[in-house]
């Protein structure tokens, strides 16, 4: 979608909203991304999810509406860290280190 309230007979080209899918993001089959939303780097949107809000880098979202249920590595491993707080994860497949601080996950 590119407008919040589309109607086929109404020209709303001036109301188009940008939707940004960042590097490495995965969109599952039949997921729906509402216009004006940003999907973060290496985020993972589950099949059938309906994304209505911005998605953080490395986050795993699912459901209708989509909610964050976890974190994903660039390799595609689910990261066993809490959604909030602090933590460190070393990916066994890529040897990358991920650090959770201030409710954001970053790769070292």
N, C-alpha and C. Protein backbone atom coordinates (compact mmCIF):
# COMPACT_ATOMS: atom_id res chain seq x y z
N UNK A 1 0.84 -1.18 0.00
CA UNK A 1 0.00 0.00 0.00
C UNK A 1 0.88 1.24 0.00
N UNK A 2 0.35 2.33 -0.49
CA UNK A 2 1.13 3.57 -0.48
C UNK A 2 0.35 4.76 0.07
N UNK A 3 -0.92 4.56 0.43
CA UNK A 3 -1.71 5.58 1.14
C UNK A 3 -2.47 4.89 2.28
N UNK A 4 -2.75 5.64 3.33
CA UNK A 4 -3.43 5.09 4.50
C UNK A 4 -4.86 4.66 4.20
N UNK A 5 -5.59 5.44 3.44
CA UNK A 5 -7.00 5.14 3.15
C UNK A 5 -7.27 5.14 1.64
N UNK A 6 -6.80 4.12 0.93
CA UNK A 6 -6.93 4.10 -0.53
C UNK A 6 -8.38 3.91 -0.99
N UNK A 7 -8.73 4.59 -2.06
CA UNK A 7 -10.01 4.39 -2.75
C UNK A 7 -9.68 4.46 -4.24
N UNK A 8 -10.15 3.50 -5.00
CA UNK A 8 -9.78 3.41 -6.42
C UNK A 8 -10.21 4.64 -7.22
N UNK A 9 -11.30 5.26 -6.85
CA UNK A 9 -11.81 6.38 -7.64
C UNK A 9 -11.32 7.75 -7.14
N UNK A 10 -10.49 7.78 -6.08
CA UNK A 10 -9.99 9.05 -5.55
C UNK A 10 -8.49 9.12 -5.79
N UNK A 11 -8.05 10.19 -6.44
CA UNK A 11 -6.62 10.38 -6.70
C UNK A 11 -5.96 10.91 -5.43
N UNK A 12 -5.09 10.10 -4.84
CA UNK A 12 -4.38 10.50 -3.61
C UNK A 12 -2.86 10.48 -3.81
N UNK A 13 -2.40 10.79 -5.00
CA UNK A 13 -0.96 10.76 -5.27
C UNK A 13 -0.17 11.72 -4.39
N UNK A 14 -0.78 12.78 -3.93
CA UNK A 14 -0.10 13.72 -3.04
C UNK A 14 0.01 13.18 -1.62
N UNK A 15 -0.69 12.10 -1.31
CA UNK A 15 -0.69 11.51 0.02
C UNK A 15 0.18 10.26 0.12
N UNK A 16 0.90 9.91 -0.96
CA UNK A 16 1.75 8.72 -0.93
C UNK A 16 2.74 8.82 0.22
N UNK A 17 2.96 7.71 0.92
CA UNK A 17 3.92 7.65 2.02
C UNK A 17 5.04 6.69 1.65
N UNK A 18 6.26 7.03 2.05
CA UNK A 18 7.41 6.18 1.77
C UNK A 18 7.45 5.01 2.75
N UNK A 19 7.76 3.84 2.24
CA UNK A 19 7.97 2.65 3.05
C UNK A 19 9.39 2.20 2.77
N UNK A 20 10.18 1.97 3.83
CA UNK A 20 11.59 1.65 3.66
C UNK A 20 11.89 0.26 4.21
N UNK A 21 12.40 -0.61 3.35
CA UNK A 21 12.84 -1.94 3.75
C UNK A 21 14.36 -1.90 3.68
N UNK A 22 15.01 -2.00 4.85
CA UNK A 22 16.46 -1.81 4.92
C UNK A 22 17.23 -3.10 4.61
N UNK A 23 18.53 -2.96 4.50
CA UNK A 23 19.44 -4.02 4.09
C UNK A 23 19.24 -5.31 4.88
N UNK A 24 19.10 -6.41 4.15
CA UNK A 24 19.06 -7.72 4.75
C UNK A 24 17.75 -8.12 5.40
N UNK A 25 16.74 -7.26 5.34
CA UNK A 25 15.45 -7.58 5.97
C UNK A 25 14.78 -8.73 5.22
N UNK A 26 14.05 -9.56 5.97
CA UNK A 26 13.32 -10.69 5.40
C UNK A 26 11.83 -10.46 5.63
N UNK A 27 11.05 -10.58 4.54
CA UNK A 27 9.61 -10.44 4.62
C UNK A 27 8.99 -11.80 4.32
N UNK A 28 8.30 -12.37 5.29
CA UNK A 28 7.68 -13.68 5.12
C UNK A 28 6.52 -13.64 4.13
N UNK A 29 6.15 -14.83 3.63
CA UNK A 29 5.06 -14.95 2.67
C UNK A 29 3.78 -14.35 3.23
N UNK A 30 3.07 -13.62 2.39
CA UNK A 30 1.79 -13.00 2.74
C UNK A 30 1.87 -12.01 3.89
N UNK A 31 3.04 -11.49 4.18
CA UNK A 31 3.11 -10.41 5.17
C UNK A 31 2.62 -9.14 4.49
N UNK A 32 2.04 -8.25 5.29
CA UNK A 32 1.52 -6.98 4.80
C UNK A 32 2.24 -5.86 5.53
N UNK A 33 2.78 -4.91 4.77
CA UNK A 33 3.50 -3.78 5.35
C UNK A 33 2.68 -2.53 5.05
N UNK A 34 2.18 -1.88 6.09
CA UNK A 34 1.39 -0.66 5.91
C UNK A 34 2.32 0.48 5.50
N UNK A 35 1.84 1.36 4.63
CA UNK A 35 2.68 2.44 4.11
C UNK A 35 3.19 3.34 5.23
N UNK A 36 4.38 3.89 4.99
CA UNK A 36 4.98 4.82 5.94
C UNK A 36 5.80 4.15 7.02
N UNK A 37 5.96 2.83 6.95
CA UNK A 37 6.68 2.06 7.97
C UNK A 37 8.10 1.79 7.50
N UNK A 38 9.05 1.75 8.44
CA UNK A 38 10.43 1.35 8.15
C UNK A 38 10.67 -0.03 8.75
N UNK A 39 11.27 -0.92 7.94
CA UNK A 39 11.68 -2.25 8.40
C UNK A 39 13.19 -2.19 8.54
N UNK A 40 13.70 -2.43 9.75
CA UNK A 40 15.12 -2.26 10.06
C UNK A 40 16.05 -3.26 9.39
N UNK A 41 17.33 -2.96 9.46
CA UNK A 41 18.37 -3.84 8.92
C UNK A 41 18.26 -5.24 9.53
N UNK A 42 18.26 -6.25 8.67
CA UNK A 42 18.25 -7.66 9.05
C UNK A 42 17.07 -8.04 9.96
N UNK A 43 16.01 -7.23 9.92
CA UNK A 43 14.79 -7.59 10.65
C UNK A 43 14.13 -8.77 9.96
N UNK A 44 13.27 -9.47 10.68
CA UNK A 44 12.59 -10.64 10.15
C UNK A 44 11.10 -10.50 10.43
N UNK A 45 10.31 -10.39 9.36
CA UNK A 45 8.85 -10.29 9.47
C UNK A 45 8.28 -11.67 9.15
N UNK A 46 7.57 -12.26 10.10
CA UNK A 46 7.03 -13.60 9.94
C UNK A 46 5.95 -13.65 8.86
N UNK A 47 5.75 -14.84 8.31
CA UNK A 47 4.70 -15.04 7.31
C UNK A 47 3.34 -14.65 7.89
N UNK A 48 2.57 -13.93 7.11
CA UNK A 48 1.22 -13.54 7.50
C UNK A 48 1.13 -12.36 8.44
N UNK A 49 2.26 -11.82 8.86
CA UNK A 49 2.24 -10.68 9.80
C UNK A 49 1.71 -9.43 9.10
N UNK A 50 1.10 -8.55 9.87
CA UNK A 50 0.65 -7.26 9.38
C UNK A 50 1.39 -6.17 10.15
N UNK A 51 2.37 -5.55 9.49
CA UNK A 51 3.24 -4.57 10.14
C UNK A 51 2.61 -3.18 10.05
N UNK A 52 2.32 -2.61 11.22
CA UNK A 52 1.68 -1.29 11.28
C UNK A 52 2.58 -0.24 11.92
N UNK A 53 3.74 -0.67 12.48
CA UNK A 53 4.69 0.24 13.13
C UNK A 53 6.09 -0.08 12.66
N UNK A 54 7.01 0.85 12.85
CA UNK A 54 8.41 0.62 12.49
C UNK A 54 8.94 -0.61 13.20
N UNK A 55 9.85 -1.33 12.53
CA UNK A 55 10.46 -2.54 13.05
C UNK A 55 11.95 -2.27 13.27
N UNK A 56 12.44 -2.57 14.48
CA UNK A 56 13.84 -2.33 14.84
C UNK A 56 14.78 -3.25 14.06
N UNK A 57 16.05 -2.81 13.94
CA UNK A 57 17.09 -3.65 13.37
C UNK A 57 17.14 -4.98 14.14
N UNK A 58 17.31 -6.07 13.42
CA UNK A 58 17.49 -7.43 13.96
C UNK A 58 16.27 -7.98 14.70
N UNK A 59 15.15 -7.29 14.69
CA UNK A 59 14.01 -7.80 15.45
C UNK A 59 13.20 -8.81 14.65
N UNK A 60 12.56 -9.71 15.36
CA UNK A 60 11.66 -10.71 14.80
C UNK A 60 10.26 -10.30 15.20
N UNK A 61 9.39 -10.05 14.21
CA UNK A 61 8.02 -9.65 14.49
C UNK A 61 7.05 -10.65 13.86
N UNK A 62 5.90 -10.83 14.53
CA UNK A 62 4.87 -11.75 14.04
C UNK A 62 3.51 -11.30 14.54
N UNK A 63 2.47 -11.75 13.87
CA UNK A 63 1.11 -11.52 14.32
C UNK A 63 0.39 -10.42 13.59
N UNK A 64 -0.88 -10.24 13.98
CA UNK A 64 -1.75 -9.22 13.41
C UNK A 64 -2.39 -8.45 14.55
N UNK A 65 -1.97 -7.23 14.83
CA UNK A 65 -0.84 -6.55 14.21
C UNK A 65 0.48 -7.15 14.68
N UNK A 66 1.53 -6.94 13.91
CA UNK A 66 2.84 -7.51 14.23
C UNK A 66 3.40 -6.91 15.51
N UNK A 67 3.95 -7.80 16.34
CA UNK A 67 4.63 -7.39 17.57
C UNK A 67 5.97 -8.09 17.63
N UNK A 68 6.93 -7.46 18.27
CA UNK A 68 8.24 -8.07 18.39
C UNK A 68 8.16 -9.25 19.34
N UNK A 69 8.69 -10.40 18.86
CA UNK A 69 8.70 -11.61 19.69
C UNK A 69 10.11 -12.13 19.92
N UNK A 70 11.11 -11.45 19.34
CA UNK A 70 12.48 -11.90 19.53
C UNK A 70 13.45 -11.10 18.68
N UNK A 71 14.65 -11.66 18.57
CA UNK A 71 15.74 -11.06 17.79
C UNK A 71 16.29 -12.11 16.83
N UNK A 72 16.82 -11.66 15.68
CA UNK A 72 17.42 -12.56 14.69
C UNK A 72 18.81 -12.06 14.31
N UNK A 73 19.72 -13.01 14.11
CA UNK A 73 21.07 -12.66 13.66
C UNK A 73 21.07 -12.47 12.14
N UNK A 74 22.14 -11.93 11.61
CA UNK A 74 22.28 -11.78 10.17
C UNK A 74 22.31 -13.14 9.49
N UNK A 75 22.77 -14.14 10.20
CA UNK A 75 22.85 -15.51 9.66
C UNK A 75 21.48 -16.17 9.62
N UNK A 76 20.54 -15.66 10.41
CA UNK A 76 19.21 -16.24 10.45
C UNK A 76 18.93 -17.07 11.69
N UNK A 77 19.78 -16.94 12.70
CA UNK A 77 19.59 -17.63 13.97
C UNK A 77 18.72 -16.78 14.89
N UNK A 78 17.79 -17.43 15.59
CA UNK A 78 17.04 -16.71 16.61
C UNK A 78 17.98 -16.47 17.78
N UNK A 79 18.03 -15.24 18.25
CA UNK A 79 18.93 -14.84 19.33
C UNK A 79 18.19 -14.94 20.66
N UNK A 80 18.69 -15.75 21.59
CA UNK A 80 17.99 -15.96 22.86
C UNK A 80 18.27 -14.86 23.90
N UNK A 81 17.91 -13.64 23.56
CA UNK A 81 18.06 -12.51 24.48
C UNK A 81 16.68 -11.94 24.75
N UNK A 82 16.50 -11.26 25.90
CA UNK A 82 15.21 -10.63 26.18
C UNK A 82 14.94 -9.48 25.22
N UNK A 83 13.70 -9.08 25.11
CA UNK A 83 13.36 -7.95 24.23
C UNK A 83 13.89 -6.64 24.78
N UNK A 84 14.02 -6.56 26.09
CA UNK A 84 14.49 -5.33 26.74
C UNK A 84 15.64 -5.68 27.68
N UNK A 85 16.42 -4.68 28.01
CA UNK A 85 17.51 -4.87 28.95
C UNK A 85 18.86 -4.94 28.26
N UNK A 86 19.73 -5.83 28.81
CA UNK A 86 21.09 -5.96 28.29
C UNK A 86 21.42 -7.42 28.07
N UNK A 87 22.37 -7.67 27.17
CA UNK A 87 22.82 -9.03 26.93
C UNK A 87 23.81 -9.10 25.79
N UNK A 88 24.48 -10.25 25.69
CA UNK A 88 25.45 -10.50 24.63
C UNK A 88 25.17 -11.88 24.06
N UNK A 89 25.27 -12.01 22.72
CA UNK A 89 25.08 -13.29 22.05
C UNK A 89 26.17 -13.47 21.01
N UNK A 90 26.80 -14.64 21.01
CA UNK A 90 27.78 -15.00 19.99
C UNK A 90 27.15 -16.04 19.07
N UNK A 91 26.99 -15.71 17.80
CA UNK A 91 26.37 -16.61 16.84
C UNK A 91 27.29 -17.80 16.59
N UNK A 92 26.81 -19.03 16.80
CA UNK A 92 27.65 -20.20 16.61
C UNK A 92 28.01 -20.47 15.15
N UNK A 93 27.24 -19.93 14.22
CA UNK A 93 27.49 -20.18 12.79
C UNK A 93 28.40 -19.15 12.14
N UNK A 94 28.28 -17.90 12.55
CA UNK A 94 29.07 -16.85 11.90
C UNK A 94 30.15 -16.26 12.80
N UNK A 95 30.11 -16.59 14.09
CA UNK A 95 31.03 -16.03 15.09
C UNK A 95 30.83 -14.53 15.33
N UNK A 96 29.73 -13.97 14.81
CA UNK A 96 29.42 -12.56 15.06
C UNK A 96 28.94 -12.40 16.50
N UNK A 97 29.22 -11.24 17.07
CA UNK A 97 28.77 -10.92 18.43
C UNK A 97 27.71 -9.84 18.35
N UNK A 98 26.61 -10.07 19.07
CA UNK A 98 25.50 -9.13 19.12
C UNK A 98 25.35 -8.64 20.55
N UNK A 99 25.12 -7.32 20.68
CA UNK A 99 25.03 -6.71 22.00
C UNK A 99 23.69 -5.99 22.12
N UNK A 100 22.95 -6.33 23.18
CA UNK A 100 21.68 -5.69 23.48
C UNK A 100 21.89 -4.65 24.57
N UNK A 101 21.61 -3.39 24.25
CA UNK A 101 21.65 -2.29 25.22
C UNK A 101 20.55 -1.31 24.86
N UNK A 102 19.92 -0.75 25.88
CA UNK A 102 18.86 0.23 25.68
C UNK A 102 17.79 -0.28 24.72
N UNK A 103 17.47 -1.57 24.81
CA UNK A 103 16.42 -2.20 24.01
C UNK A 103 16.69 -2.18 22.51
N UNK A 104 17.97 -2.06 22.13
CA UNK A 104 18.38 -2.12 20.73
C UNK A 104 19.50 -3.14 20.60
N UNK A 105 19.46 -3.92 19.54
CA UNK A 105 20.49 -4.91 19.28
C UNK A 105 21.44 -4.40 18.19
N UNK A 106 22.72 -4.51 18.44
CA UNK A 106 23.73 -4.10 17.45
C UNK A 106 24.75 -5.23 17.30
N UNK A 107 25.37 -5.26 16.13
CA UNK A 107 26.43 -6.23 15.88
C UNK A 107 27.77 -5.57 16.14
N UNK A 108 28.61 -6.25 16.90
CA UNK A 108 29.93 -5.70 17.23
C UNK A 108 30.85 -5.80 16.06
